[in-house]
Amino acid sequence: MGGGTEQDWRKMADTTKMSPEEVKNLGVESSKRPPGHNPGGVLHQHRSMPFSLTTMTVVGFLMAAGIGYGVLYAYKKPEASALDVAKVTAGVADASNTHPRPKPRTQPEDTSPRN
């Protein structure tokens, strides 16, 4: 099967999911390693990140700001403009941006007959 001897299997046996009794019965005590010395396991990987920490921080901040802007824009009052929402999101809005503006008056239609 693998081309190795019985002793090779005993040295390389994976004992992580075996009880101490099973390890003793199989005679694979020599393959036990202290915790944290598992080079092929999933945990304790020391792989480099795909992007730099600065890039990931900036992208995360921009995503959070975009989501915040979208939420504020979705719940804005009808009379507020997109610029007003952007000012509130950035924290530079003043009272004129946050209070309702009076609606512009419309001219009454001329109902006099034309000749």
PDB file of N, CA and C in Angstrom:
ATOM      1  N   MET A   1       0.824  -1.179   0.000  1.00  0.00           N
ATOM      2  CA  MET A   1       0.000   0.000   0.000  1.00  0.00           C
ATOM      3  C   MET A   1       0.874   1.250   0.000  1.00  0.00           C
ATOM      4  N   GLY A   2       1.551   1.576   1.053  1.00  0.00           N
ATOM      5  CA  GLY A   2       2.330   2.785   1.113  1.00  0.00           C
ATOM      6  C   GLY A   2       3.805   2.553   0.915  1.00  0.00           C
ATOM      7  N   GLY A   3       4.270   1.332   0.999  1.00  0.00           N
ATOM      8  CA  GLY A   3       5.672   1.052   0.810  1.00  0.00           C
ATOM      9  C   GLY A   3       6.492   1.207   2.077  1.00  0.00           C
ATOM     10  N   GLY A   4       5.884   1.631   3.185  1.00  0.00           N
ATOM     11  CA  GLY A   4       6.612   1.798   4.434  1.00  0.00           C
ATOM     12  C   GLY A   4       6.426   0.592   5.329  1.00  0.00           C
ATOM     13  N   THR A   5       7.171   0.581   6.380  1.00  0.00           N
ATOM     14  CA  THR A   5       7.077  -0.528   7.326  1.00  0.00           C
ATOM     15  C   THR A   5       6.054  -0.212   8.403  1.00  0.00           C
ATOM     16  N   GLU A   6       5.818  -1.207   9.243  1.00  0.00           N
ATOM     17  CA  GLU A   6       4.885  -1.038  10.358  1.00  0.00           C
ATOM     18  C   GLU A   6       5.393   0.032  11.319  1.00  0.00           C
ATOM     19  N   GLN A   7       6.696   0.141  11.490  1.00  0.00           N
ATOM     20  CA  GLN A   7       7.271   1.124  12.410  1.00  0.00           C
ATOM     21  C   GLN A   7       7.064   2.547  11.887  1.00  0.00           C
ATOM     22  N   ASP A   8       7.123   2.741  10.570  1.00  0.00           N
ATOM     23  CA  ASP A   8       6.887   4.061  10.002  1.00  0.00           C
ATOM     24  C   ASP A   8       5.473   4.536  10.305  1.00  0.00           C
ATOM     25  N   TRP A   9       4.510   3.648  10.198  1.00  0.00           N
ATOM     26  CA  TRP A   9       3.120   4.005  10.497  1.00  0.00           C
ATOM     27  C   TRP A   9       2.977   4.404  11.958  1.00  0.00           C
ATOM     28  N   ARG A  10       3.623   3.668  12.842  1.00  0.00           N
ATOM     29  CA  ARG A  10       3.514   3.954  14.271  1.00  0.00           C
ATOM     30  C   ARG A  10       4.142   5.314  14.615  1.00  0.00           C
ATOM     31  N   LYS A  11       5.190   5.725  13.906  1.00  0.00           N
ATOM     32  CA  LYS A  11       5.826   7.008  14.185  1.00  0.00           C
ATOM     33  C   LYS A  11       4.990   8.179  13.681  1.00  0.00           C
ATOM     34  N   MET A  12       4.235   7.951  12.610  1.00  0.00           N
ATOM     35  CA  MET A  12       3.483   9.036  11.978  1.00  0.00           C
ATOM     36  C   MET A  12       1.988   9.000  12.285  1.00  0.00           C
ATOM     37  N   ALA A  13       1.547   8.147  13.190  1.00  0.00           N
ATOM     38  CA  ALA A  13       0.110   7.996  13.469  1.00  0.00           C
ATOM     39  C   ALA A  13      -0.467   9.290  14.028  1.00  0.00           C
ATOM     40  N   ASP A  14      -1.677   9.610  13.598  1.00  0.00           N
ATOM     41  CA  ASP A  14      -2.382  10.792  14.097  1.00  0.00           C
ATOM     42  C   ASP A  14      -3.157  10.391  15.341  1.00  0.00           C
ATOM     43  N   THR A  15      -2.706  10.836  16.486  1.00  0.00           N
ATOM     44  CA  THR A  15      -3.303  10.415  17.759  1.00  0.00           C
ATOM     45  C   THR A  15      -4.199  11.489  18.360  1.00  0.00           C
ATOM     46  N   THR A  16      -4.510  12.535  17.600  1.00  0.00           N
ATOM     47  CA  THR A  16      -5.259  13.655  18.185  1.00  0.00           C
ATOM     48  C   THR A  16      -6.676  13.269  18.574  1.00  0.00           C
ATOM     49  N   LYS A  17      -7.307  12.353  17.858  1.00  0.00           N
ATOM     50  CA  LYS A  17      -8.695  11.989  18.161  1.00  0.00           C
ATOM     51  C   LYS A  17      -8.798  10.645  18.866  1.00  0.00           C
ATOM     52  N   MET A  18      -7.684  10.129  19.349  1.00  0.00           N
ATOM     53  CA  MET A  18      -7.689   8.847  20.050  1.00  0.00           C
ATOM     54  C   MET A  18      -7.678   9.086  21.555  1.00  0.00           C
ATOM     55  N   SER A  19      -8.331   8.205  22.249  1.00  0.00           N
ATOM     56  CA  SER A  19      -8.266   8.266  23.712  1.00  0.00           C
ATOM     57  C   SER A  19      -6.917   7.698  24.155  1.00  0.00           C
ATOM     58  N   PRO A  20      -6.495   8.009  25.381  1.00  0.00           N
ATOM     59  CA  PRO A  20      -5.216   7.465  25.848  1.00  0.00           C
ATOM     60  C   PRO A  20      -5.181   5.932  25.844  1.00  0.00           C
ATOM     61  N   GLU A  21      -6.325   5.312  26.080  1.00  0.00           N
ATOM     62  CA  GLU A  21      -6.374   3.845  26.055  1.00  0.00           C
ATOM     63  C   GLU A  21      -6.128   3.314  24.649  1.00  0.00           C
ATOM     64  N   GLU A  22      -6.725   3.964  23.635  1.00  0.00           N
ATOM     65  CA  GLU A  22      -6.529   3.533  22.248  1.00  0.00           C
ATOM     66  C   GLU A  22      -5.073   3.690  21.835  1.00  0.00           C
ATOM     67  N   VAL A  23      -4.440   4.769  22.254  1.00  0.00           N
ATOM     68  CA  VAL A  23      -3.035   5.003  21.916  1.00  0.00           C
ATOM     69  C   VAL A  23      -2.178   3.891  22.505  1.00  0.00           C
ATOM     70  N   LYS A  24      -2.462   3.537  23.752  1.00  0.00           N
ATOM     71  CA  LYS A  24      -1.685   2.493  24.416  1.00  0.00           C
ATOM     72  C   LYS A  24      -1.915   1.134  23.769  1.00  0.00           C
ATOM     73  N   ASN A  25      -3.178   0.799  23.438  1.00  0.00           N
ATOM     74  CA  ASN A  25      -3.502  -0.491  22.827  1.00  0.00           C
ATOM     75  C   ASN A  25      -2.857  -0.658  21.450  1.00  0.00           C
ATOM     76  N   LEU A  26      -2.790   0.426  20.666  1.00  0.00           N
ATOM     77  CA  LEU A  26      -2.191   0.357  19.333  1.00  0.00           C
ATOM     78  C   LEU A  26      -0.674   0.452  19.378  1.00  0.00           C
ATOM     79  N   GLY A  27      -0.134   0.900  20.497  1.00  0.00           N
ATOM     80  CA  GLY A  27       1.320   1.016  20.624  1.00  0.00           C
ATOM     81  C   GLY A  27       1.901   2.164  19.828  1.00  0.00           C
ATOM     82  N   VAL A  28       1.211   3.282  19.767  1.00  0.00           N
ATOM     83  CA  VAL A  28       1.692   4.425  18.985  1.00  0.00           C
ATOM     84  C   VAL A  28       2.068   5.605  19.890  1.00  0.00           C
ATOM     85  N   GLU A  29       2.568   5.329  21.084  1.00  0.00           N
ATOM     86  CA  GLU A  29       2.936   6.401  22.011  1.00  0.00           C
ATOM     87  C   GLU A  29       4.051   7.278  21.448  1.00  0.00           C
ATOM     88  N   SER A  30       4.904   6.700  20.610  1.00  0.00           N
ATOM     89  CA  SER A  30       6.034   7.466  20.071  1.00  0.00           C
ATOM     90  C   SER A  30       5.594   8.552  19.098  1.00  0.00           C
ATOM     91  N   SER A  31       4.397   8.447  18.552  1.00  0.00           N
ATOM     92  CA  SER A  31       3.950   9.454  17.593  1.00  0.00           C
ATOM     93  C   SER A  31       3.258  10.631  18.258  1.00  0.00           C
ATOM     94  N   LYS A  32       3.034  10.590  19.566  1.00  0.00           N
ATOM     95  CA  LYS A  32       2.387  11.704  20.252  1.00  0.00           C
ATOM     96  C   LYS A  32       3.325  12.901  20.286  1.00  0.00           C
ATOM     97  N   ARG A  33       2.772  14.067  19.987  1.00  0.00           N
ATOM     98  CA  ARG A  33       3.541  15.302  20.023  1.00  0.00           C
ATOM     99  C   ARG A  33       2.930  16.222  21.064  1.00  0.00           C
ATOM    100  N   PRO A  34       3.711  17.117  21.623  1.00  0.00           N
ATOM    101  CA  PRO A  34       3.135  18.072  22.568  1.00  0.00           C
ATOM    102  C   PRO A  34       2.189  19.025  21.842  1.00  0.00           C
ATOM    103  N   PRO A  35       1.211  19.607  22.544  1.00  0.00           N
ATOM    104  CA  PRO A  35       0.265  20.533  21.904  1.00  0.00           C
ATOM    105  C   PRO A  35       0.997  21.711  21.259  1.00  0.00           C
ATOM    106  N   GLY A  36       0.496  22.131  20.115  1.00  0.00           N
ATOM    107  CA  GLY A  36       1.088  23.256  19.408  1.00  0.00           C
ATOM    108  C   GLY A  36       2.198  22.879  18.453  1.00  0.00           C
ATOM    109  N   HIS A  37       2.550  21.615  18.362  1.00  0.00           N
ATOM    110  CA  HIS A  37       3.599  21.177  17.450  1.00  0.00           C
ATOM    111  C   HIS A  37       3.004  20.298  16.361  1.00  0.00           C
ATOM    112  N   ASN A  38       2.007  20.815  15.713  1.00  0.00           N
ATOM    113  CA  ASN A  38       1.317  20.064  14.671  1.00  0.00           C
ATOM    114  C   ASN A  38       1.546  20.779  13.342  1.00  0.00           C
ATOM    115  N   PRO A  39       2.595  20.453  12.601  1.00  0.00           N
ATOM    116  CA  PRO A  39       2.928  21.229  11.411  1.00  0.00           C
ATOM    117  C   PRO A  39       1.923  21.114  10.278  1.00  0.00           C
ATOM    118  N   GLY A  40       1.154  20.044  10.222  1.00  0.00           N
ATOM    119  CA  GLY A  40       0.254  19.881   9.094  1.00  0.00           C
ATOM    120  C   GLY A  40      -1.186  20.216   9.411  1.00  0.00           C
ATOM    121  N   GLY A  41      -1.469  20.654  10.613  1.00  0.00           N
ATOM    122  CA  GLY A  41      -2.846  20.893  11.019  1.00  0.00           C
ATOM    123  C   GLY A  41      -3.398  22.201  10.487  1.00  0.00           C
ATOM    124  N   VAL A  42      -4.679  22.413  10.675  1.00  0.00           N
ATOM    125  CA  VAL A  42      -5.344  23.624  10.200  1.00  0.00           C
ATOM    126  C   VAL A  42      -5.081  24.790  11.140  1.00  0.00           C
ATOM    127  N   LEU A  43      -5.064  24.531  12.429  1.00  0.00           N
ATOM    128  CA  LEU A  43      -4.850  25.595  13.392  1.00  0.00           C
ATOM    129  C   LEU A  43      -3.385  26.018  13.428  1.00  0.00           C
ATOM    130  N   HIS A  44      -3.140  27.180  13.954  1.00  0.00           N
ATOM    131  CA  HIS A  44      -1.801  27.737  14.143  1.00  0.00           C
ATOM    132  C   HIS A  44      -1.073  27.941  12.821  1.00  0.00           C
ATOM    133  N   GLN A  45      -1.800  28.363  11.802  1.00  0.00           N
ATOM    134  CA  GLN A  45      -1.146  28.621  10.532  1.00  0.00           C
ATOM    135  C   GLN A  45      -0.495  29.994  10.587  1.00  0.00           C
ATOM    136  N   HIS A  46       0.651  30.110   9.986  1.00  0.00           N
ATOM    137  CA  HIS A  46       1.375  31.368   9.954  1.00  0.00           C
ATOM    138  C   HIS A  46       1.553  31.815   8.513  1.00  0.00           C
ATOM    139  N   ARG A  47       0.465  31.803   7.777  1.00  0.00           N
ATOM    140  CA  ARG A  47       0.503  32.209   6.387  1.00  0.00           C
ATOM    141  C   ARG A  47       0.386  33.720   6.312  1.00  0.00           C
ATOM    142  N   SER A  48       0.976  34.343   5.323  1.00  0.00           N
ATOM    143  CA  SER A  48       0.868  35.786   5.184  1.00  0.00           C
ATOM    144  C   SER A  48      -0.521  36.155   4.677  1.00  0.00           C
ATOM    145  N   MET A  49      -0.942  37.351   5.011  1.00  0.00           N
ATOM    146  CA  MET A  49      -2.250  37.831   4.598  1.00  0.00           C
ATOM    147  C   MET A  49      -2.212  38.189   3.108  1.00  0.00           C
ATOM    148  N   PRO A  50      -3.365  38.133   2.430  1.00  0.00           N
ATOM    149  CA  PRO A  50      -3.359  38.417   0.990  1.00  0.00           C
ATOM    150  C   PRO A  50      -3.108  39.890   0.658  1.00  0.00           C
ATOM    151  N   PHE A  51      -3.418  40.809   1.577  1.00  0.00           N
ATOM    152  CA  PHE A  51      -3.205  42.239   1.376  1.00  0.00           C
ATOM    153  C   PHE A  51      -2.534  42.804   2.618  1.00  0.00           C
ATOM    154  N   SER A  52      -1.973  43.983   2.502  1.00  0.00           N
ATOM    155  CA  SER A  52      -1.321  44.589   3.656  1.00  0.00           C
ATOM    156  C   SER A  52      -2.372  45.035   4.671  1.00  0.00           C
ATOM    157  N   LEU A  53      -1.942  45.186   5.908  1.00  0.00           N
ATOM    158  CA  LEU A  53      -2.854  45.597   6.975  1.00  0.00           C
ATOM    159  C   LEU A  53      -3.436  46.982   6.702  1.00  0.00           C
ATOM    160  N   THR A  54      -2.623  47.881   6.163  1.00  0.00           N
ATOM    161  CA  THR A  54      -3.094  49.230   5.845  1.00  0.00           C
ATOM    162  C   THR A  54      -4.184  49.191   4.777  1.00  0.00           C
ATOM    163  N   THR A  55      -3.977  48.407   3.738  1.00  0.00           N
ATOM    164  CA  THR A  55      -4.971  48.303   2.664  1.00  0.00           C
ATOM    165  C   THR A  55      -6.283  47.753   3.196  1.00  0.00           C
ATOM    166  N   MET A  56      -6.200  46.713   4.007  1.00  0.00           N
ATOM    167  CA  MET A  56      -7.427  46.120   4.549  1.00  0.00           C
ATOM    168  C   MET A  56      -8.148  47.092   5.483  1.00  0.00           C
ATOM    169  N   THR A  57      -7.402  47.890   6.249  1.00  0.00           N
ATOM    170  CA  THR A  57      -8.012  48.876   7.142  1.00  0.00           C
ATOM    171  C   THR A  57      -8.727  49.950   6.346  1.00  0.00           C
ATOM    172  N   VAL A  58      -8.086  50.468   5.321  1.00  0.00           N
ATOM    173  CA  VAL A  58      -8.696  51.529   4.503  1.00  0.00           C
ATOM    174  C   VAL A  58      -9.939  51.008   3.795  1.00  0.00           C
ATOM    175  N   VAL A  59      -9.856  49.834   3.214  1.00  0.00           N
ATOM    176  CA  VAL A  59     -11.017  49.262   2.517  1.00  0.00           C
ATOM    177  C   VAL A  59     -12.154  48.997   3.501  1.00  0.00           C
ATOM    178  N   GLY A  60     -11.836  48.509   4.687  1.00  0.00           N
ATOM    179  CA  GLY A  60     -12.865  48.282   5.706  1.00  0.00           C
ATOM    180  C   GLY A  60     -13.537  49.571   6.131  1.00  0.00           C
ATOM    181  N   PHE A  61     -12.752  50.625   6.306  1.00  0.00           N
ATOM    182  CA  PHE A  61     -13.327  51.929   6.675  1.00  0.00           C
ATOM    183  C   PHE A  61     -14.231  52.452   5.568  1.00  0.00           C
ATOM    184  N   LEU A  62     -13.793  52.340   4.321  1.00  0.00           N
ATOM    185  CA  LEU A  62     -14.613  52.813   3.200  1.00  0.00           C
ATOM    186  C   LEU A  62     -15.905  52.008   3.072  1.00  0.00           C
ATOM    187  N   MET A  63     -15.829  50.721   3.313  1.00  0.00           N
ATOM    188  CA  MET A  63     -17.044  49.903   3.255  1.00  0.00           C
ATOM    189  C   MET A  63     -18.009  50.300   4.364  1.00  0.00           C
ATOM    190  N   ALA A  64     -17.510  50.521   5.569  1.00  0.00           N
ATOM    191  CA  ALA A  64     -18.372  50.928   6.682  1.00  0.00           C
ATOM    192  C   ALA A  64     -18.988  52.296   6.403  1.00  0.00           C
ATOM    193  N   ALA A  65     -18.207  53.223   5.851  1.00  0.00           N
ATOM    194  CA  ALA A  65     -18.741  54.545   5.515  1.00  0.00           C
ATOM    195  C   ALA A  65     -19.805  54.441   4.425  1.00  0.00           C
ATOM    196  N   GLY A  66     -19.575  53.593   3.442  1.00  0.00           N
ATOM    197  CA  GLY A  66     -20.564  53.404   2.372  1.00  0.00           C
ATOM    198  C   GLY A  66     -21.859  52.816   2.888  1.00  0.00           C
ATOM    199  N   ILE A  67     -21.757  51.844   3.780  1.00  0.00           N
ATOM    200  CA  ILE A  67     -22.966  51.258   4.363  1.00  0.00           C
ATOM    201  C   ILE A  67     -23.696  52.293   5.213  1.00  0.00           C
ATOM    202  N   GLY A  68     -22.948  53.078   5.989  1.00  0.00           N
ATOM    203  CA  GLY A  68     -23.565  54.135   6.802  1.00  0.00           C
ATOM    204  C   GLY A  68     -24.272  55.167   5.946  1.00  0.00           C
ATOM    205  N   TYR A  69     -23.618  55.584   4.854  1.00  0.00           N
ATOM    206  CA  TYR A  69     -24.252  56.544   3.945  1.00  0.00           C
ATOM    207  C   TYR A  69     -25.521  55.956   3.341  1.00  0.00           C
ATOM    208  N   GLY A  70     -25.454  54.694   2.937  1.00  0.00           N
ATOM    209  CA  GLY A  70     -26.635  54.055   2.338  1.00  0.00           C
ATOM    210  C   GLY A  70     -27.802  53.973   3.302  1.00  0.00           C
ATOM    211  N   VAL A  71     -27.512  53.667   4.557  1.00  0.00           N
ATOM    212  CA  VAL A  71     -28.583  53.589   5.561  1.00  0.00           C
ATOM    213  C   VAL A  71     -29.186  54.965   5.794  1.00  0.00           C
ATOM    214  N   LEU A  72     -28.337  55.978   5.955  1.00  0.00           N
ATOM    215  CA  LEU A  72     -28.865  57.329   6.164  1.00  0.00           C
ATOM    216  C   LEU A  72     -29.655  57.805   4.945  1.00  0.00           C
ATOM    217  N   TYR A  73     -29.181  57.484   3.746  1.00  0.00           N
ATOM    218  CA  TYR A  73     -29.885  57.909   2.534  1.00  0.00           C
ATOM    219  C   TYR A  73     -31.230  57.207   2.416  1.00  0.00           C
ATOM    220  N   ALA A  74     -31.289  55.948   2.823  1.00  0.00           N
ATOM    221  CA  ALA A  74     -32.543  55.198   2.717  1.00  0.00           C
ATOM    222  C   ALA A  74     -33.600  55.748   3.667  1.00  0.00           C
ATOM    223  N   TYR A  75     -33.166  56.268   4.813  1.00  0.00           N
ATOM    224  CA  TYR A  75     -34.116  56.758   5.809  1.00  0.00           C
ATOM    225  C   TYR A  75     -34.242  58.277   5.837  1.00  0.00           C
ATOM    226  N   LYS A  76     -33.722  58.961   4.830  1.00  0.00           N
ATOM    227  CA  LYS A  76     -33.783  60.423   4.826  1.00  0.00           C
ATOM    228  C   LYS A  76     -35.205  60.903   4.559  1.00  0.00           C
ATOM    229  N   LYS A  77     -35.449  62.127   4.951  1.00  0.00           N
ATOM    230  CA  LYS A  77     -36.756  62.741   4.665  1.00  0.00           C
ATOM    231  C   LYS A  77     -36.789  63.151   3.193  1.00  0.00           C
ATOM    232  N   PRO A  78     -37.971  63.215   2.617  1.00  0.00           N
ATOM    233  CA  PRO A  78     -38.054  63.524   1.175  1.00  0.00           C
ATOM    234  C   PRO A  78     -37.438  64.864   0.792  1.00  0.00           C
ATOM    235  N   GLU A  79     -37.465  65.833   1.683  1.00  0.00           N
ATOM    236  CA  GLU A  79     -36.936  67.147   1.317  1.00  0.00           C
ATOM    237  C   GLU A  79     -35.416  67.246   1.445  1.00  0.00           C
ATOM    238  N   ALA A  80     -34.770  66.253   2.003  1.00  0.00           N
ATOM    239  CA  ALA A  80     -33.313  66.269   2.134  1.00  0.00           C
ATOM    240  C   ALA A  80     -32.669  65.807   0.824  1.00  0.00           C
ATOM    241  N   SER A  81     -31.571  66.461   0.487  1.00  0.00           N
ATOM    242  CA  SER A  81     -30.867  66.079  -0.743  1.00  0.00           C
ATOM    243  C   SER A  81     -29.763  65.077  -0.414  1.00  0.00           C
ATOM    244  N   ALA A  82     -29.180  64.506  -1.447  1.00  0.00           N
ATOM    245  CA  ALA A  82     -28.071  63.561  -1.256  1.00  0.00           C
ATOM    246  C   ALA A  82     -26.866  64.270  -0.647  1.00  0.00           C
ATOM    247  N   LEU A  83     -26.678  65.549  -0.971  1.00  0.00           N
ATOM    248  CA  LEU A  83     -25.576  66.318  -0.399  1.00  0.00           C
ATOM    249  C   LEU A  83     -25.778  66.517   1.110  1.00  0.00           C
ATOM    250  N   ASP A  84     -27.019  66.738   1.518  1.00  0.00           N
ATOM    251  CA  ASP A  84     -27.305  66.861   2.948  1.00  0.00           C
ATOM    252  C   ASP A  84     -26.964  65.570   3.686  1.00  0.00           C
ATOM    253  N   VAL A  85     -27.292  64.437   3.092  1.00  0.00           N
ATOM    254  CA  VAL A  85     -26.985  63.143   3.711  1.00  0.00           C
ATOM    255  C   VAL A  85     -25.473  62.956   3.802  1.00  0.00           C
ATOM    256  N   ALA A  86     -24.745  63.348   2.756  1.00  0.00           N
ATOM    257  CA  ALA A  86     -23.287  63.221   2.775  1.00  0.00           C
ATOM    258  C   ALA A  86     -22.680  64.092   3.866  1.00  0.00           C
ATOM    259  N   LYS A  87     -23.214  65.305   4.055  1.00  0.00           N
ATOM    260  CA  LYS A  87     -22.698  66.183   5.109  1.00  0.00           C
ATOM    261  C   LYS A  87     -22.958  65.598   6.492  1.00  0.00           C
ATOM    262  N   VAL A  88     -24.140  65.011   6.689  1.00  0.00           N
ATOM    263  CA  VAL A  88     -24.444  64.391   7.977  1.00  0.00           C
ATOM    264  C   VAL A  88     -23.544  63.189   8.205  1.00  0.00           C
ATOM    265  N   THR A  89     -23.303  62.391   7.169  1.00  0.00           N
ATOM    266  CA  THR A  89     -22.442  61.217   7.292  1.00  0.00           C
ATOM    267  C   THR A  89     -21.018  61.621   7.654  1.00  0.00           C
ATOM    268  N   ALA A  90     -20.522  62.683   7.042  1.00  0.00           N
ATOM    269  CA  ALA A  90     -19.158  63.145   7.314  1.00  0.00           C
ATOM    270  C   ALA A  90     -19.058  63.904   8.626  1.00  0.00           C
ATOM    271  N   GLY A  91     -20.189  64.318   9.190  1.00  0.00           N
ATOM    272  CA  GLY A  91     -20.174  65.035  10.467  1.00  0.00           C
ATOM    273  C   GLY A  91     -19.929  66.518  10.314  1.00  0.00           C
ATOM    274  N   VAL A  92     -20.152  67.073   9.147  1.00  0.00           N
ATOM    275  CA  VAL A  92     -19.933  68.506   8.934  1.00  0.00           C
ATOM    276  C   VAL A  92     -21.239  69.259   8.688  1.00  0.00           C
ATOM    277  N   ALA A  93     -22.354  68.652   8.981  1.00  0.00           N
ATOM    278  CA  ALA A  93     -23.644  69.290   8.736  1.00  0.00           C
ATOM    279  C   ALA A  93     -23.944  70.315   9.821  1.00  0.00           C
ATOM    280  N   ASP A  94     -24.647  71.366   9.439  1.00  0.00           N
ATOM    281  CA  ASP A  94     -25.133  72.326  10.431  1.00  0.00           C
ATOM    282  C   ASP A  94     -26.654  72.314  10.401  1.00  0.00           C
ATOM    283  N   ALA A  95     -27.282  73.194  11.133  1.00  0.00           N
ATOM    284  CA  ALA A  95     -28.736  73.173  11.282  1.00  0.00           C
ATOM    285  C   ALA A  95     -29.464  73.343   9.954  1.00  0.00           C
ATOM    286  N   SER A  96     -28.869  74.100   9.024  1.00  0.00           N
ATOM    287  CA  SER A  96     -29.556  74.303   7.743  1.00  0.00           C
ATOM    288  C   SER A  96     -29.616  73.008   6.922  1.00  0.00           C
ATOM    289  N   ASN A  97     -28.720  72.065   7.196  1.00  0.00           N
ATOM    290  CA  ASN A  97     -28.724  70.796   6.474  1.00  0.00           C
ATOM    291  C   ASN A  97     -29.630  69.757   7.118  1.00  0.00           C
ATOM    292  N   THR A  98     -29.949  69.949   8.385  1.00  0.00           N
ATOM    293  CA  THR A  98     -30.689  68.905   9.092  1.00  0.00           C
ATOM    294  C   THR A  98     -32.140  69.258   9.363  1.00  0.00           C
ATOM    295  N   HIS A  99     -32.510  70.524   9.229  1.00  0.00           N
ATOM    296  CA  HIS A  99     -33.908  70.905   9.469  1.00  0.00           C
ATOM    297  C   HIS A  99     -34.661  71.026   8.156  1.00  0.00           C
ATOM    298  N   PRO A 100     -35.945  70.758   8.190  1.00  0.00           N
ATOM    299  CA  PRO A 100     -36.726  70.851   6.941  1.00  0.00           C
ATOM    300  C   PRO A 100     -36.718  72.263   6.383  1.00  0.00           C
ATOM    301  N   ARG A 101     -36.638  72.357   5.083  1.00  0.00           N
ATOM    302  CA  ARG A 101     -36.690  73.648   4.406  1.00  0.00           C
ATOM    303  C   ARG A 101     -38.132  73.932   4.011  1.00  0.00           C
ATOM    304  N   PRO A 102     -38.500  75.181   3.997  1.00  0.00           N
ATOM    305  CA  PRO A 102     -39.860  75.485   3.522  1.00  0.00           C
ATOM    306  C   PRO A 102     -39.958  75.185   2.030  1.00  0.00           C
ATOM    307  N   LYS A 103     -41.106  74.679   1.660  1.00  0.00           N
ATOM    308  CA  LYS A 103     -41.310  74.368   0.243  1.00  0.00           C
ATOM    309  C   LYS A 103     -41.482  75.665  -0.530  1.00  0.00           C
ATOM    310  N   PRO A 104     -40.943  75.716  -1.747  1.00  0.00           N
ATOM    311  CA  PRO A 104     -41.108  76.944  -2.537  1.00  0.00           C
ATOM    312  C   PRO A 104     -42.572  77.134  -2.912  1.00  0.00           C
ATOM    313  N   ARG A 105     -42.991  78.412  -2.858  1.00  0.00           N
ATOM    314  CA  ARG A 105     -44.389  78.718  -3.186  1.00  0.00           C
ATOM    315  C   ARG A 105     -44.569  78.662  -4.696  1.00  0.00           C
ATOM    316  N   THR A 106     -45.671  78.124  -5.072  1.00  0.00           N
ATOM    317  CA  THR A 106     -45.979  78.081  -6.497  1.00  0.00           C
ATOM    318  C   THR A 106     -46.952  79.194  -6.825  1.00  0.00           C
ATOM    319  N   GLN A 107     -46.853  79.694  -8.019  1.00  0.00           N
ATOM    320  CA  GLN A 107     -47.756  80.750  -8.471  1.00  0.00           C
ATOM    321  C   GLN A 107     -49.124  80.143  -8.763  1.00  0.00           C
ATOM    322  N   PRO A 108     -50.191  80.774  -8.290  1.00  0.00           N
ATOM    323  CA  PRO A 108     -51.522  80.253  -8.648  1.00  0.00           C
ATOM    324  C   PRO A 108     -51.750  80.399 -10.146  1.00  0.00           C
ATOM    325  N   GLU A 109     -52.403  79.423 -10.680  1.00  0.00           N
ATOM    326  CA  GLU A 109     -52.661  79.461 -12.130  1.00  0.00           C
ATOM    327  C   GLU A 109     -53.653  80.577 -12.452  1.00  0.00           C
ATOM    328  N   ASP A 110     -53.420  81.179 -13.587  1.00  0.00           N
ATOM    329  CA  ASP A 110     -54.321  82.246 -14.046  1.00  0.00           C
ATOM    330  C   ASP A 110     -55.557  81.610 -14.645  1.00  0.00           C
ATOM    331  N   THR A 111     -56.675  81.884 -14.046  1.00  0.00           N
ATOM    332  CA  THR A 111     -57.930  81.259 -14.499  1.00  0.00           C
ATOM    333  C   THR A 111     -58.765  82.217 -15.357  1.00  0.00           C
ATOM    334  N   SER A 112     -58.227  83.388 -15.662  1.00  0.00           N
ATOM    335  CA  SER A 112     -59.000  84.342 -16.468  1.00  0.00           C
ATOM    336  C   SER A 112     -59.043  83.861 -17.930  1.00  0.00           C
ATOM    337  N   PRO A 113     -60.150  84.080 -18.574  1.00  0.00           N
ATOM    338  CA  PRO A 113     -60.268  83.641 -19.958  1.00  0.00           C
ATOM    339  C   PRO A 113     -59.357  84.461 -20.881  1.00  0.00           C
ATOM    340  N   ARG A 114     -58.754  83.756 -21.807  1.00  0.00           N
ATOM    341  CA  ARG A 114     -57.891  84.429 -22.775  1.00  0.00           C
ATOM    342  C   ARG A 114     -58.663  84.654 -24.077  1.00  0.00           C
ATOM    343  N   ASN A 115     -58.400  85.769 -24.677  1.00  0.00           N
ATOM    344  CA  ASN A 115     -59.039  86.065 -25.965  1.00  0.00           C
ATOM    345  C   ASN A 115     -58.125  85.921 -27.098  1.00  0.00           C
TER     346      ASN A 115
END
